[in-house]
Amino acid sequence: MQSLSPAPGARRAGPLALAKALALFALFALVSIPSPLGATPLYSAREGRTCDNCHLRPNLWKNPPVFDRKCTMSCQGCHVDPAGGGMRTAAGRFYGSATLPMIATNPRPTQDWDSWIGRFLWRKDRATTFTDSLPEGPADYEASKDPRFAAHDRSALGSPGGGSSRYAPFPGRTGPLNADPLLRMSWDVRMALLVAQGALFFPMQADLAMALHPLEHVTFLGNIGARGRSTGLSDTVDDPRTPYLREGFLLVHEAPANLYVKAGRFVPQFGLRIDDHTAQTRRTFEQDGSVPDARVTGVEAGVNPNYPYVNVSWFRSTAATRVPAAFDIFDTDDTHGMALNLGYRELGWSAGASGLLHRRAPTEGGDATSFALHGALNPWFYRRSLPLTYQAEYDWGRWQRTSGRDTHRRAFWHELDWRAGNGVNLLLAQDWADPDTEVKDDHAYRVSAGVQVTPYTGITLDLRGRALFPATGQAGADLFTQIHLWR
């Protein structure tokens, strides 16, 4: 956006600058695609309504002291990467097989038995007994050592050297899944169909991740993937950035209060890591997870004792004018930055704030200081007849043009979701951005409506219609469909 800089003291952009701004937003509306690596904070906001979304019923479970608890509404509850996205933990896998799909392969949460889909479309899923004799997990850490809770899991092998501590996930709480494996591999594959002025079918993502947990408290995570190209499969394969190391870091974890430290290549935490990288709260503020440029090399530390959370990172990155090496995580320039993310995620609501600093020469992307306020409300937690979830985020900040002159940018996103039945989510979203407050009429907003269907664990279909309304010029619209295969 540096090319849109007005002359010093000017407020109104010239015709060329305005045309460029509108072209960028038209591109954003008509060829944008949901993020290949998106996490879904919707699940974090929604599923605190009942504990058996992520593990077997509490039954006789004895709550340990707060600093010993693994329960959290933060991303690290369901993902190996505490920032969210990518490989899932045993709790995340249990959720993906019990709560998320239409047909469950682990015991369905008790509050989900009465889904209208289950009553009218097909039989009740075979994994639920519909009595009070549901499977029970261990009552405490000592009981989890009972041989009857041993894992039977082909997707996660072995156990770390030295055994597991009371700060590791407990065997038996997630049924037959290996709660704390030595080796775990996963994949995410997406194909997409975009209908705008014509129809375009293209690959979005092909990721393979591996987590090695050789010792208690230590995990190595690597995620290698292709960068999906809307121009087709051949361009995706021929892209010099395919494949590349999306994430690669050492994680020290399974400590009191869910304390962790990670070091390597990652995306710094800022705002809500929603599953649409084209939302301007992500793209405008350098959080577009679909591109290698968003990755940094550094250290992040965080703590999450049940509901409050805080994490902070320091990092180096490449200049915004070039793409980092595919596998050399130390390929950085004379740039550095910091990120801070903190808040409180309760069972029925959440509120948080973020800050992100980039310090770079003007010719390498320029300095940027950004802030975010974000939160969610889950009426479903308070009343079973209201399966709705609302999320919102507002971002603002200062950034530096190539000329060295400062300007400001702003963005807002919010979304309302209705859980219509087992495996079916309906959504209505709006996002808005003013990428340069000194350029007149470069702002625009977009409205999206869609349905997400998960018929069976590991398969998600996403259909969205989107319309863009720029400040000047014609509105644009498209219809986007994707199939997501994950494990």
Protein backbone atom coordinates (compact mmCIF):
# COMPACT_ATOMS: atom_id res chain seq x y z
CA MET A 1 0.00 0.00 0.00
CA GLN A 2 3.04 2.30 0.07
CA SER A 3 2.34 3.30 -3.52
CA LEU A 4 -0.81 5.05 -2.30
CA SER A 5 1.11 7.72 -0.35
CA PRO A 6 -0.17 11.25 -0.98
CA ALA A 7 2.10 14.24 -1.12
CA PRO A 8 3.02 15.75 2.25
CA GLY A 9 0.05 17.63 3.70
CA ALA A 10 -2.41 16.19 1.18
CA ARG A 11 -5.65 14.53 2.20
CA ARG A 12 -7.26 13.56 -1.09
CA ALA A 13 -5.71 10.79 -3.17
CA GLY A 14 -5.18 11.28 -6.86
CA PRO A 15 -7.03 9.21 -9.49
CA LEU A 16 -4.16 6.71 -9.86
CA ALA A 17 -3.86 6.12 -6.13
CA LEU A 18 -7.61 5.70 -5.78
CA ALA A 19 -7.72 3.27 -8.70
CA LYS A 20 -4.99 1.18 -7.10
CA ALA A 21 -6.85 1.10 -3.80
CA LEU A 22 -10.06 -0.03 -5.46
CA ALA A 23 -8.22 -2.64 -7.51
CA LEU A 24 -6.70 -4.09 -4.37
CA PHE A 25 -10.07 -4.35 -2.68
CA ALA A 26 -11.70 -5.85 -5.77
CA LEU A 27 -8.99 -8.50 -5.78
CA PHE A 28 -9.58 -9.05 -2.08
CA ALA A 29 -13.26 -9.74 -2.73
CA LEU A 30 -13.21 -11.69 -5.97
CA VAL A 31 -10.24 -14.03 -5.70
CA SER A 32 -9.74 -14.33 -1.96
CA ILE A 33 -9.93 -17.72 -0.24
CA PRO A 34 -10.20 -18.87 3.37
CA SER A 35 -6.90 -19.48 5.12
CA PRO A 36 -5.06 -22.75 4.53
CA LEU A 37 -3.84 -22.69 8.11
CA GLY A 38 -6.74 -21.05 9.86
CA ALA A 39 -7.58 -21.90 13.41
CA THR A 40 -11.17 -21.56 14.49
CA PRO A 41 -11.67 -19.45 17.64
CA LEU A 42 -15.40 -20.14 17.19
CA TYR A 43 -14.87 -23.53 18.80
CA SER A 44 -13.01 -21.98 21.71
CA ALA A 45 -15.82 -19.48 22.23
CA ARG A 46 -18.63 -21.99 21.84
CA GLU A 47 -17.70 -25.23 23.54
CA GLY A 48 -17.28 -24.16 27.16
CA ARG A 49 -20.97 -24.91 27.58
CA THR A 50 -20.23 -28.55 28.51
CA CYS A 51 -17.06 -30.38 29.55
CA ASP A 52 -17.76 -33.54 27.53
CA ASN A 53 -17.15 -31.68 24.28
CA CYS A 54 -13.43 -32.40 24.63
CA HIS A 55 -13.22 -35.45 26.91
CA LEU A 56 -15.36 -38.10 28.54
CA ARG A 57 -17.86 -36.97 31.11
CA PRO A 58 -16.39 -35.69 34.40
CA ASN A 59 -18.49 -38.14 36.44
CA LEU A 60 -16.43 -38.63 39.61
CA TRP A 61 -13.59 -36.40 38.38
CA LYS A 62 -11.90 -34.49 41.19
CA ASN A 63 -10.85 -30.99 40.14
CA PRO A 64 -7.14 -30.52 40.88
CA PRO A 65 -5.63 -27.18 42.00
CA VAL A 66 -5.86 -24.46 39.33
CA PHE A 67 -2.17 -24.63 38.40
CA ASP A 68 -2.50 -28.39 37.79
CA ARG A 69 -5.48 -28.11 35.43
CA LYS A 70 -5.32 -28.71 31.70
CA CYS A 71 -8.82 -27.30 31.14
CA THR A 72 -8.70 -24.11 29.08
CA MET A 73 -10.74 -22.29 26.46
CA SER A 74 -7.54 -21.14 24.75
CA CYS A 75 -6.16 -22.57 21.51
CA GLN A 76 -3.57 -24.76 23.25
CA GLY A 77 -6.33 -26.96 24.60
CA CYS A 78 -6.99 -28.42 21.13
CA HIS A 79 -3.77 -27.73 19.18
CA VAL A 80 -0.16 -28.76 19.63
CA ASP A 81 0.86 -25.21 18.68
CA PRO A 82 -0.36 -23.03 21.58
CA ALA A 83 -1.19 -20.28 19.03
CA GLY A 84 -3.74 -22.56 17.37
CA GLY A 85 -4.09 -24.06 13.92
CA GLY A 86 -2.56 -27.18 12.47
CA MET A 87 -2.02 -30.43 14.35
CA ARG A 88 -4.55 -31.27 17.04
CA THR A 89 -3.97 -32.60 20.53
CA ALA A 90 -5.90 -35.60 21.89
CA ALA A 91 -8.56 -33.21 23.22
CA GLY A 92 -8.83 -31.57 19.80
CA ARG A 93 -9.11 -34.94 18.10
CA PHE A 94 -11.79 -36.06 20.58
CA TYR A 95 -13.75 -32.88 19.88
CA GLY A 96 -13.37 -33.49 16.14
CA SER A 97 -14.87 -36.97 16.46
CA ALA A 98 -17.49 -36.48 19.20
CA THR A 99 -18.87 -32.92 19.04
CA LEU A 100 -18.05 -31.49 15.61
CA PRO A 101 -19.46 -34.04 13.10
CA MET A 102 -22.98 -35.12 12.27
CA ILE A 103 -22.05 -38.75 12.92
CA ALA A 104 -19.91 -39.14 16.04
CA THR A 105 -17.27 -41.85 16.46
CA ASN A 106 -16.68 -41.04 20.13
CA PRO A 107 -19.44 -40.51 22.71
CA ARG A 108 -21.62 -37.57 21.74
CA PRO A 109 -21.82 -34.79 24.37
CA THR A 110 -25.00 -35.22 26.38
CA GLN A 111 -26.36 -31.76 25.48
CA ASP A 112 -26.11 -32.59 21.76
CA TRP A 113 -28.39 -35.64 21.77
CA ASP A 114 -31.54 -33.76 20.84
CA SER A 115 -30.28 -32.26 17.58
CA TRP A 116 -33.09 -31.78 15.05
CA ILE A 117 -30.74 -33.24 12.43
CA GLY A 118 -30.43 -36.42 14.46
CA ARG A 119 -34.20 -36.65 14.89
CA PHE A 120 -35.28 -35.96 11.31
CA LEU A 121 -32.49 -36.99 8.93
CA TRP A 122 -31.07 -40.27 10.20
CA ARG A 123 -30.56 -42.54 13.17
CA LYS A 124 -28.83 -41.41 16.31
CA ASP A 125 -25.10 -42.01 16.06
CA ARG A 126 -23.83 -45.38 17.17
CA ALA A 127 -21.24 -44.05 19.65
CA THR A 128 -23.80 -42.74 22.13
CA THR A 129 -25.68 -45.03 24.50
CA PHE A 130 -28.36 -42.44 25.41
CA THR A 131 -28.36 -43.65 29.00
CA ASP A 132 -26.53 -42.67 32.15
CA SER A 133 -24.04 -45.49 31.57
CA LEU A 134 -21.76 -43.44 29.32
CA PRO A 135 -18.05 -44.32 29.35
CA GLU A 136 -16.18 -42.82 32.27
CA GLY A 137 -12.59 -41.65 32.39
CA PRO A 138 -10.26 -41.76 35.38
CA ALA A 139 -11.28 -39.80 38.48
CA ASP A 140 -7.84 -38.28 39.06
CA TYR A 141 -4.16 -38.47 38.07
CA GLU A 142 -3.46 -41.62 40.07
CA ALA A 143 -6.46 -43.44 38.60
CA SER A 144 -5.29 -42.64 35.06
CA LYS A 145 -2.43 -45.14 35.53
CA ASP A 146 -4.91 -48.03 35.59
CA PRO A 147 -4.19 -50.41 32.64
CA ARG A 148 -7.84 -50.26 31.57
CA PHE A 149 -7.21 -46.69 30.39
CA ALA A 150 -4.37 -47.69 28.05
CA ALA A 151 -4.61 -46.13 24.59
CA HIS A 152 -5.67 -47.96 21.42
CA ASP A 153 -4.70 -45.37 18.84
CA ARG A 154 -3.17 -45.96 15.40
CA SER A 155 -2.73 -42.26 14.71
CA ALA A 156 -0.47 -41.49 17.68
CA LEU A 157 2.30 -43.85 18.73
CA GLY A 158 4.36 -44.51 21.83
CA SER A 159 4.95 -42.37 24.88
CA PRO A 160 7.74 -39.91 25.82
CA GLY A 161 10.87 -41.10 27.57
CA GLY A 162 10.65 -40.88 31.32
CA GLY A 163 6.86 -41.20 31.31
CA SER A 164 4.23 -38.54 31.79
CA SER A 165 3.79 -36.15 34.70
CA ARG A 166 0.60 -34.83 36.27
CA TYR A 167 0.91 -31.78 33.98
CA ALA A 168 0.58 -33.90 30.83
CA PRO A 169 -2.82 -34.92 29.39
CA PHE A 170 -4.21 -37.91 31.31
CA PRO A 171 -4.77 -41.33 29.70
CA GLY A 172 -8.43 -42.28 29.54
CA ARG A 173 -9.88 -38.76 29.56
CA THR A 174 -10.15 -38.81 25.76
CA GLY A 175 -11.29 -42.41 25.48
CA PRO A 176 -8.98 -44.68 23.46
CA LEU A 177 -6.90 -41.81 22.05
CA ASN A 178 -3.23 -41.57 23.00
CA ALA A 179 -3.25 -38.51 25.25
CA ASP A 180 0.53 -37.93 25.31
CA PRO A 181 2.16 -39.67 22.31
CA LEU A 182 5.80 -39.95 21.34
CA LEU A 183 5.03 -39.48 17.63
CA ARG A 184 2.06 -37.94 15.89
CA MET A 185 1.55 -37.15 12.20
CA SER A 186 -1.34 -35.22 10.64
CA TRP A 187 -2.39 -33.65 7.39
CA ASP A 188 -4.64 -30.91 6.04
CA VAL A 189 -5.76 -30.91 2.39
CA ARG A 190 -8.15 -28.38 0.82
CA MET A 191 -9.63 -28.02 -2.66
CA ALA A 192 -11.68 -25.00 -3.67
CA LEU A 193 -14.21 -23.82 -6.25
CA LEU A 194 -14.62 -20.07 -6.84
CA VAL A 195 -17.54 -18.77 -8.88
CA ALA A 196 -17.41 -15.08 -9.79
CA GLN A 197 -17.36 -13.98 -13.42
CA GLY A 198 -16.49 -17.59 -14.23
CA ALA A 199 -15.81 -20.85 -12.39
CA LEU A 200 -12.36 -21.74 -11.12
CA PHE A 201 -11.35 -25.01 -9.41
CA PHE A 202 -7.96 -25.03 -7.70
CA PRO A 203 -5.89 -26.54 -4.85
CA MET A 204 -5.60 -24.53 -1.66
CA GLN A 205 -3.50 -26.56 0.72
CA ALA A 206 -1.49 -29.74 1.13
CA ASP A 207 0.20 -29.86 4.54
CA LEU A 208 1.98 -32.62 6.39
CA ALA A 209 2.85 -32.09 10.05
CA MET A 210 4.83 -34.19 12.51
CA ALA A 211 5.29 -33.80 16.26
CA LEU A 212 8.06 -35.70 18.05
CA HIS A 213 7.79 -35.80 21.84
CA PRO A 214 10.99 -37.62 22.91
CA LEU A 215 10.98 -36.45 26.52
CA GLU A 216 8.34 -35.19 28.90
CA HIS A 217 7.96 -31.40 28.54
CA VAL A 218 9.79 -31.32 25.14
CA THR A 219 8.20 -31.49 21.66
CA PHE A 220 9.57 -30.76 18.19
CA LEU A 221 6.89 -29.67 15.70
CA GLY A 222 7.36 -29.32 11.96
CA ASN A 223 4.69 -28.48 9.38
CA ILE A 224 5.62 -28.66 5.69
CA GLY A 225 3.18 -27.55 3.02
CA ALA A 226 2.50 -26.18 -0.41
CA ARG A 227 1.33 -22.66 -1.06
CA GLY A 228 -2.00 -23.04 -2.85
CA ARG A 229 -2.35 -21.05 -6.08
CA SER A 230 -5.70 -20.11 -7.57
CA THR A 231 -4.17 -20.43 -11.05
CA GLY A 232 -4.10 -24.23 -10.76
CA LEU A 233 -2.25 -27.33 -9.61
CA SER A 234 0.77 -26.91 -11.91
CA ASP A 235 1.46 -23.39 -10.63
CA THR A 236 1.18 -24.64 -7.05
CA VAL A 237 3.72 -27.41 -7.70
CA ASP A 238 6.07 -25.14 -9.67
CA ASP A 239 5.98 -22.32 -7.11
CA PRO A 240 9.55 -21.91 -5.73
CA ARG A 241 7.98 -21.58 -2.27
CA THR A 242 6.43 -25.07 -2.56
CA PRO A 243 7.06 -26.88 -0.37
CA TYR A 244 8.17 -24.74 2.55
CA LEU A 245 8.36 -25.00 6.32
CA ARG A 246 5.24 -23.26 7.58
CA GLU A 247 6.01 -23.85 11.26
CA GLY A 248 9.08 -25.40 12.81
CA PHE A 249 9.89 -24.97 16.48
CA LEU A 250 10.97 -26.50 19.76
CA LEU A 251 8.20 -26.46 22.36
CA VAL A 252 8.79 -26.75 26.10
CA HIS A 253 5.42 -27.37 27.71
CA GLU A 254 3.33 -29.51 30.10
CA ALA A 255 4.20 -27.27 33.02
CA PRO A 256 2.12 -25.74 35.85
CA ALA A 257 -0.58 -23.28 34.73
CA ASN A 258 -0.16 -24.48 31.12
CA LEU A 259 3.12 -22.59 30.91
CA TYR A 260 5.04 -23.01 27.64
CA VAL A 261 8.00 -21.64 25.69
CA LYS A 262 8.56 -22.16 21.98
CA ALA A 263 11.47 -21.16 19.75
CA GLY A 264 11.71 -21.33 15.96
CA ARG A 265 9.53 -20.28 13.01
CA PHE A 266 5.91 -19.32 13.73
CA VAL A 267 3.24 -16.64 13.25
CA PRO A 268 3.21 -14.20 16.20
CA GLN A 269 -0.07 -14.07 18.13
CA PHE A 270 -2.16 -11.00 17.44
CA GLY A 271 -5.94 -10.73 17.60
CA LEU A 272 -8.21 -13.65 16.75
CA ARG A 273 -6.70 -16.22 14.42
CA ILE A 274 -9.90 -16.72 12.45
CA ASP A 275 -10.30 -19.20 9.60
CA ASP A 276 -10.44 -16.56 6.84
CA HIS A 277 -7.08 -15.02 6.04
CA THR A 278 -8.73 -12.51 3.70
CA ALA A 279 -10.45 -10.75 6.59
CA GLN A 280 -8.76 -7.38 6.92
CA THR A 281 -8.04 -7.85 10.63
CA ARG A 282 -5.62 -10.53 9.36
CA ARG A 283 -4.41 -9.29 5.99
CA THR A 284 -4.04 -5.57 6.72
CA PHE A 285 -2.04 -6.26 9.89
CA GLU A 286 0.46 -8.77 8.42
CA GLN A 287 -1.29 -11.84 9.88
CA ASP A 288 -2.17 -13.52 6.58
CA GLY A 289 -1.29 -17.13 7.43
CA SER A 290 -1.51 -18.23 3.80
CA VAL A 291 1.84 -16.63 2.85
CA PRO A 292 5.38 -17.37 4.06
CA ASP A 293 5.94 -13.65 4.73
CA ALA A 294 3.79 -13.81 7.89
CA ARG A 295 6.26 -16.19 9.54
CA VAL A 296 8.95 -14.93 11.89
CA THR A 297 11.85 -16.52 13.76
CA GLY A 298 11.92 -15.96 17.48
CA VAL A 299 10.84 -17.00 20.95
CA GLU A 300 7.35 -17.00 22.47
CA ALA A 301 6.32 -17.70 26.06
CA GLY A 302 2.84 -18.01 27.50
CA VAL A 303 0.83 -19.05 30.54
CA ASN A 304 -2.85 -20.03 30.81
CA PRO A 305 -4.07 -21.00 34.30
CA ASN A 306 -7.58 -22.12 33.37
CA TYR A 307 -9.24 -18.93 32.04
CA PRO A 308 -6.81 -15.97 32.06
CA TYR A 309 -4.03 -16.07 29.46
CA VAL A 310 -1.01 -14.07 28.39
CA ASN A 311 1.74 -14.70 25.86
CA VAL A 312 4.57 -12.55 24.63
CA SER A 313 7.08 -13.02 21.80
CA TRP A 314 10.26 -11.45 20.45
CA PHE A 315 11.28 -12.16 16.87
CA ARG A 316 13.26 -11.28 13.78
CA SER A 317 11.77 -11.41 10.28
CA THR A 318 12.58 -10.89 6.64
CA ALA A 319 11.96 -7.58 4.92
CA ALA A 320 8.41 -7.12 3.68
CA THR A 321 9.84 -6.76 0.18
CA ARG A 322 11.04 -10.38 -0.06
CA VAL A 323 9.98 -13.92 0.81
CA PRO A 324 12.00 -15.88 3.41
CA ALA A 325 13.87 -19.05 2.46
CA ALA A 326 11.67 -22.13 2.37
CA PHE A 327 13.51 -24.12 5.06
CA ASP A 328 16.14 -21.82 6.55
CA ILE A 329 14.40 -20.44 9.62
CA PHE A 330 17.38 -18.16 10.28
CA ASP A 331 16.90 -16.34 6.97
CA THR A 332 16.06 -12.93 8.46
CA ASP A 333 17.00 -9.31 7.81
CA ASP A 334 17.89 -6.44 10.09
CA THR A 335 14.35 -6.31 11.42
CA HIS A 336 12.84 -7.18 14.78
CA GLY A 337 9.53 -7.07 16.58
CA MET A 338 7.47 -8.02 19.60
CA ALA A 339 3.91 -9.24 20.21
CA LEU A 340 1.75 -9.30 23.33
CA ASN A 341 -1.56 -11.10 23.64
CA LEU A 342 -3.59 -11.29 26.86
CA GLY A 343 -7.13 -11.65 28.13
CA TYR A 344 -9.66 -13.88 29.82
CA ARG A 345 -11.59 -16.74 28.17
CA GLU A 346 -14.50 -17.77 30.35
CA LEU A 347 -17.01 -20.54 29.60
CA GLY A 348 -19.62 -18.14 28.21
CA TRP A 349 -17.59 -15.12 27.12
CA SER A 350 -14.09 -13.87 26.40
CA ALA A 351 -12.28 -10.53 26.17
CA GLY A 352 -8.71 -9.79 25.12
CA ALA A 353 -6.22 -7.30 23.78
CA SER A 354 -3.12 -7.56 21.59
CA GLY A 355 -0.15 -5.45 20.57
CA LEU A 356 2.29 -5.99 17.69
CA LEU A 357 5.49 -4.07 16.89
CA HIS A 358 7.62 -4.27 13.74
CA ARG A 359 10.83 -2.28 13.48
CA ARG A 360 12.20 -2.11 9.91
CA ALA A 361 13.78 0.33 7.53
CA PRO A 362 11.22 2.17 5.34
CA THR A 363 12.52 0.33 2.26
CA GLU A 364 11.97 -3.04 4.03
CA GLY A 365 8.37 -2.53 5.06
CA GLY A 366 8.72 0.28 7.57
CA ASP A 367 7.93 0.48 11.25
CA ALA A 368 4.46 -0.60 12.36
CA THR A 369 2.74 -0.44 15.74
CA SER A 370 -0.63 -2.19 15.93
CA PHE A 371 -3.25 -2.88 18.59
CA ALA A 372 -6.36 -5.06 18.79
CA LEU A 373 -9.39 -5.53 21.02
CA HIS A 374 -11.32 -8.77 20.62
CA GLY A 375 -13.91 -10.88 22.36
CA ALA A 376 -16.80 -13.31 22.12
CA LEU A 377 -20.18 -14.00 23.70
CA ASN A 378 -21.75 -17.47 23.85
CA PRO A 379 -25.44 -17.28 24.84
CA TRP A 380 -25.62 -21.06 24.42
CA PHE A 381 -23.73 -21.46 27.69
CA TYR A 382 -26.49 -19.65 29.56
CA ARG A 383 -29.55 -21.00 27.70
CA ARG A 384 -29.73 -24.22 25.68
CA SER A 385 -32.38 -22.73 23.37
CA LEU A 386 -29.87 -20.14 22.06
CA PRO A 387 -27.12 -22.02 20.16
CA LEU A 388 -25.56 -18.73 19.01
CA THR A 389 -22.01 -17.39 19.25
CA TYR A 390 -20.85 -13.85 18.49
CA GLN A 391 -17.22 -12.81 17.92
CA ALA A 392 -15.71 -9.42 17.13
CA GLU A 393 -12.33 -7.72 16.69
CA TYR A 394 -11.24 -4.13 16.15
CA ASP A 395 -7.66 -3.35 15.07
CA TRP A 396 -5.84 -0.05 14.61
CA GLY A 397 -2.30 1.18 14.33
CA ARG A 398 0.42 3.28 12.76
CA TRP A 399 2.64 2.21 9.85
CA GLN A 400 5.42 3.77 7.83
CA ARG A 401 5.46 4.31 4.07
CA THR A 402 8.58 3.88 1.93
CA SER A 403 8.93 7.67 2.03
CA GLY A 404 9.40 7.44 5.82
CA ARG A 405 6.15 9.26 6.51
CA ASP A 406 3.72 7.76 9.05
CA THR A 407 0.05 7.05 8.49
CA HIS A 408 -2.62 4.97 10.21
CA ARG A 409 -4.88 2.01 9.41
CA ARG A 410 -7.99 0.46 10.93
CA ALA A 411 -10.04 -2.73 10.52
CA PHE A 412 -13.08 -4.36 12.09
CA TRP A 413 -14.54 -7.88 11.85
CA HIS A 414 -17.49 -9.55 13.51
CA GLU A 415 -19.40 -12.79 12.99
CA LEU A 416 -22.59 -14.40 14.29
CA ASP A 417 -22.79 -18.22 14.19
CA TRP A 418 -25.79 -20.48 14.68
CA ARG A 419 -25.15 -24.10 15.50
CA ALA A 420 -28.17 -25.43 13.59
CA GLY A 421 -27.54 -29.06 14.52
CA ASN A 422 -24.86 -31.68 14.90
CA GLY A 423 -22.23 -30.91 12.28
CA VAL A 424 -23.96 -27.83 10.83
CA ASN A 425 -22.91 -24.20 11.41
CA LEU A 426 -24.55 -21.21 9.74
CA LEU A 427 -22.68 -17.90 9.79
CA LEU A 428 -23.13 -14.24 8.95
CA ALA A 429 -20.02 -12.04 8.98
CA GLN A 430 -18.92 -8.53 8.11
CA ASP A 431 -15.46 -7.01 7.91
CA TRP A 432 -14.36 -3.47 7.14
CA ALA A 433 -11.01 -1.75 6.65
CA ASP A 434 -9.47 1.63 6.05
CA PRO A 435 -5.89 0.66 5.12
CA ASP A 436 -4.64 4.24 4.95
CA THR A 437 -6.54 6.94 6.81
CA GLU A 438 -4.84 9.68 4.75
CA VAL A 439 -6.13 8.27 1.46
CA LYS A 440 -9.68 9.39 0.77
CA ASP A 441 -12.33 6.76 0.02
CA ASP A 442 -10.05 3.72 0.07
CA HIS A 443 -12.19 2.00 2.72
CA ALA A 444 -14.60 -0.84 2.00
CA TYR A 445 -16.66 -3.45 3.79
CA ARG A 446 -17.59 -7.01 2.93
CA VAL A 447 -20.57 -9.14 3.97
CA SER A 448 -20.39 -12.94 4.02
CA ALA A 449 -23.00 -15.63 4.63
CA GLY A 450 -22.30 -19.32 4.67
CA VAL A 451 -22.81 -22.84 5.91
CA GLN A 452 -20.17 -25.24 7.23
CA VAL A 453 -21.00 -28.95 7.29
CA THR A 454 -18.93 -31.71 8.92
CA PRO A 455 -20.67 -35.00 8.07
CA TYR A 456 -17.92 -37.19 9.56
CA THR A 457 -14.71 -36.60 11.46
CA GLY A 458 -11.97 -35.36 9.12
CA ILE A 459 -14.31 -33.96 6.43
CA THR A 460 -15.61 -30.39 6.36
CA LEU A 461 -17.51 -28.65 3.56
CA ASP A 462 -17.64 -24.84 3.53
CA LEU A 463 -19.92 -22.78 1.25
CA ARG A 464 -19.89 -18.96 1.42
CA GLY A 465 -21.40 -16.15 -0.56
CA ARG A 466 -19.60 -12.80 -0.27
CA ALA A 467 -20.29 -9.26 -1.43
CA LEU A 468 -17.85 -6.34 -1.37
CA PHE A 469 -18.99 -2.72 -1.05
CA PRO A 470 -16.16 -0.23 -1.71
CA ALA A 471 -16.51 3.44 -0.80
CA THR A 472 -16.55 4.28 -4.50
CA GLY A 473 -16.97 2.12 -7.57
CA GLN A 474 -19.08 -0.96 -8.19
CA ALA A 475 -19.83 -3.68 -5.67
CA GLY A 476 -18.56 -7.21 -6.36
CA ALA A 477 -19.70 -10.67 -5.31
CA ASP A 478 -18.59 -14.29 -5.44
CA LEU A 479 -19.52 -17.79 -4.29
CA PHE A 480 -16.80 -19.85 -2.68
CA THR A 481 -16.82 -23.58 -1.87
CA GLN A 482 -14.10 -25.67 -0.30
CA ILE A 483 -13.66 -29.23 0.91
CA HIS A 484 -11.28 -29.69 3.83
CA LEU A 485 -9.81 -33.11 4.64
CA TRP A 486 -7.95 -33.21 7.95
CA ARG A 487 -6.59 -35.62 10.50
